[in-house]
């Protein structure tokens, strides 16, 4: 009989900036596949958004996602990936620094 030994998961290898909050504003077609495609870009990086809102405006969908911890290169890459989604017409990426001692629930909302 063979014994299988499970190894501990690898340490987080992607760089992070815990004092950086990035807000992604996406305008897209109101299509059932829009939200899953947007969220997939964060999920496959192991990121859980600080906040997520979507508003249906006629045949358009406005989506805002805030994430804490992304470095500049990663947020630029995610912004570019969002722009490649066929139903997406516009993407804005904004960032701000948050104080290191501010709890996540006290983070200010992104500016519109």
Protein backbone atom coordinates (compact mmCIF):
# COMPACT_ATOMS: atom_id res chain seq x y z
CA UNK A 1 0.00 0.00 0.00
CA UNK A 2 1.28 3.47 -0.94
CA UNK A 3 1.12 6.35 1.49
CA UNK A 4 0.47 9.78 0.03
CA UNK A 5 1.98 12.72 1.88
CA UNK A 6 0.47 16.13 1.30
CA UNK A 7 2.84 19.07 1.30
CA UNK A 8 1.98 22.43 2.80
CA UNK A 9 0.77 24.96 0.25
CA UNK A 10 3.43 27.14 -1.30
CA UNK A 11 3.93 30.57 0.23
CA UNK A 12 2.26 33.48 -1.51
CA UNK A 13 4.59 34.34 -4.35
CA UNK A 14 2.91 37.34 -5.93
CA UNK A 15 4.12 40.75 -4.74
CA UNK A 16 1.64 42.78 -2.69
CA UNK A 17 1.25 46.35 -1.50
CA UNK A 18 -1.03 46.22 1.57
CA UNK A 19 -1.33 50.03 1.65
CA UNK A 20 -2.66 50.35 -1.89
CA UNK A 21 -6.36 50.24 -2.77
CA UNK A 22 -7.25 49.99 -6.45
CA UNK A 23 -10.70 50.80 -7.85
CA UNK A 24 -11.69 49.40 -11.25
CA UNK A 25 -14.69 51.04 -12.96
CA UNK A 26 -16.02 49.02 -15.90
CA UNK A 27 -18.74 49.93 -18.38
CA UNK A 28 -20.00 47.02 -20.45
CA UNK A 29 -22.95 45.51 -22.27
CA UNK A 30 -25.69 44.17 -19.99
CA UNK A 31 -24.82 40.55 -20.72
CA UNK A 32 -25.12 37.60 -18.32
CA UNK A 33 -21.44 36.77 -18.90
CA UNK A 34 -20.07 40.20 -17.99
CA UNK A 35 -19.83 39.87 -14.19
CA UNK A 36 -18.30 36.37 -14.18
CA UNK A 37 -15.66 37.45 -16.70
CA UNK A 38 -14.78 40.55 -14.69
CA UNK A 39 -14.59 38.68 -11.38
CA UNK A 40 -12.57 35.82 -12.89
CA UNK A 41 -9.58 38.14 -13.29
CA UNK A 42 -9.49 38.69 -9.53
CA UNK A 43 -10.41 35.15 -8.47
CA UNK A 44 -7.64 33.49 -10.47
CA UNK A 45 -5.15 35.72 -8.61
CA UNK A 46 -6.58 34.67 -5.25
CA UNK A 47 -8.01 38.14 -4.61
CA UNK A 48 -11.30 38.82 -2.86
CA UNK A 49 -12.60 42.31 -3.66
CA UNK A 50 -13.02 44.75 -0.79
CA UNK A 51 -16.20 45.89 -2.52
CA UNK A 52 -18.17 45.07 -5.64
CA UNK A 53 -21.12 46.99 -7.05
CA UNK A 54 -22.98 46.71 -10.31
CA UNK A 55 -25.78 48.82 -11.70
CA UNK A 56 -27.95 48.00 -14.69
CA UNK A 57 -28.50 51.15 -16.71
CA UNK A 58 -30.76 50.19 -19.61
CA UNK A 59 -28.68 47.99 -21.90
CA UNK A 60 -25.43 48.94 -20.10
CA UNK A 61 -23.85 47.54 -16.94
CA UNK A 62 -21.65 49.65 -14.67
CA UNK A 63 -19.36 47.58 -12.44
CA UNK A 64 -17.02 48.88 -9.73
CA UNK A 65 -14.51 46.62 -7.98
CA UNK A 66 -12.15 47.68 -5.18
CA UNK A 67 -9.15 45.54 -4.25
CA UNK A 68 -6.50 46.09 -1.59
CA UNK A 69 -2.95 44.78 -2.00
CA UNK A 70 -2.29 44.86 -5.74
CA UNK A 71 1.01 46.30 -6.95
CA UNK A 72 1.03 48.78 -9.86
CA UNK A 73 2.13 46.26 -12.49
CA UNK A 74 -0.59 43.80 -11.50
CA UNK A 75 -3.38 46.40 -11.50
CA UNK A 76 -2.19 47.68 -14.90
CA UNK A 77 -2.29 44.11 -16.23
CA UNK A 78 -5.78 43.45 -14.83
CA UNK A 79 -6.99 46.75 -16.31
CA UNK A 80 -5.65 45.73 -19.71
CA UNK A 81 -7.26 42.28 -19.39
CA UNK A 82 -10.60 43.89 -18.54
CA UNK A 83 -10.32 45.98 -21.72
CA UNK A 84 -9.94 42.77 -23.75
CA UNK A 85 -13.31 41.36 -22.65
CA UNK A 86 -15.52 41.65 -25.76
CA UNK A 87 -18.55 43.24 -24.06
CA UNK A 88 -16.49 45.84 -22.15
CA UNK A 89 -16.46 49.34 -23.64
CA UNK A 90 -14.58 51.34 -20.99
CA UNK A 91 -12.28 50.68 -18.02
CA UNK A 92 -10.90 53.18 -15.51
CA UNK A 93 -8.27 52.22 -12.93
CA UNK A 94 -7.72 54.49 -9.92
CA UNK A 95 -5.59 53.89 -6.87
CA UNK A 96 -4.96 55.45 -3.50
CA UNK A 97 -2.78 54.78 -0.50
CA UNK A 98 -4.47 53.71 2.70
CA UNK A 99 -2.87 54.10 6.14
CA UNK A 100 -1.22 50.91 7.37
CA UNK A 101 -3.09 51.05 10.68
CA UNK A 102 -6.57 51.56 9.14
CA UNK A 103 -8.76 48.44 9.42
CA UNK A 104 -10.24 47.25 6.10
CA UNK A 105 -13.80 48.06 7.22
CA UNK A 106 -12.78 51.69 7.71
CA UNK A 107 -11.40 52.16 4.19
CA UNK A 108 -13.02 55.12 2.42
CA UNK A 109 -15.10 54.45 -0.69
CA UNK A 110 -13.51 55.07 -4.09
CA UNK A 111 -14.15 58.43 -5.69
CA UNK A 112 -16.56 58.39 -8.63
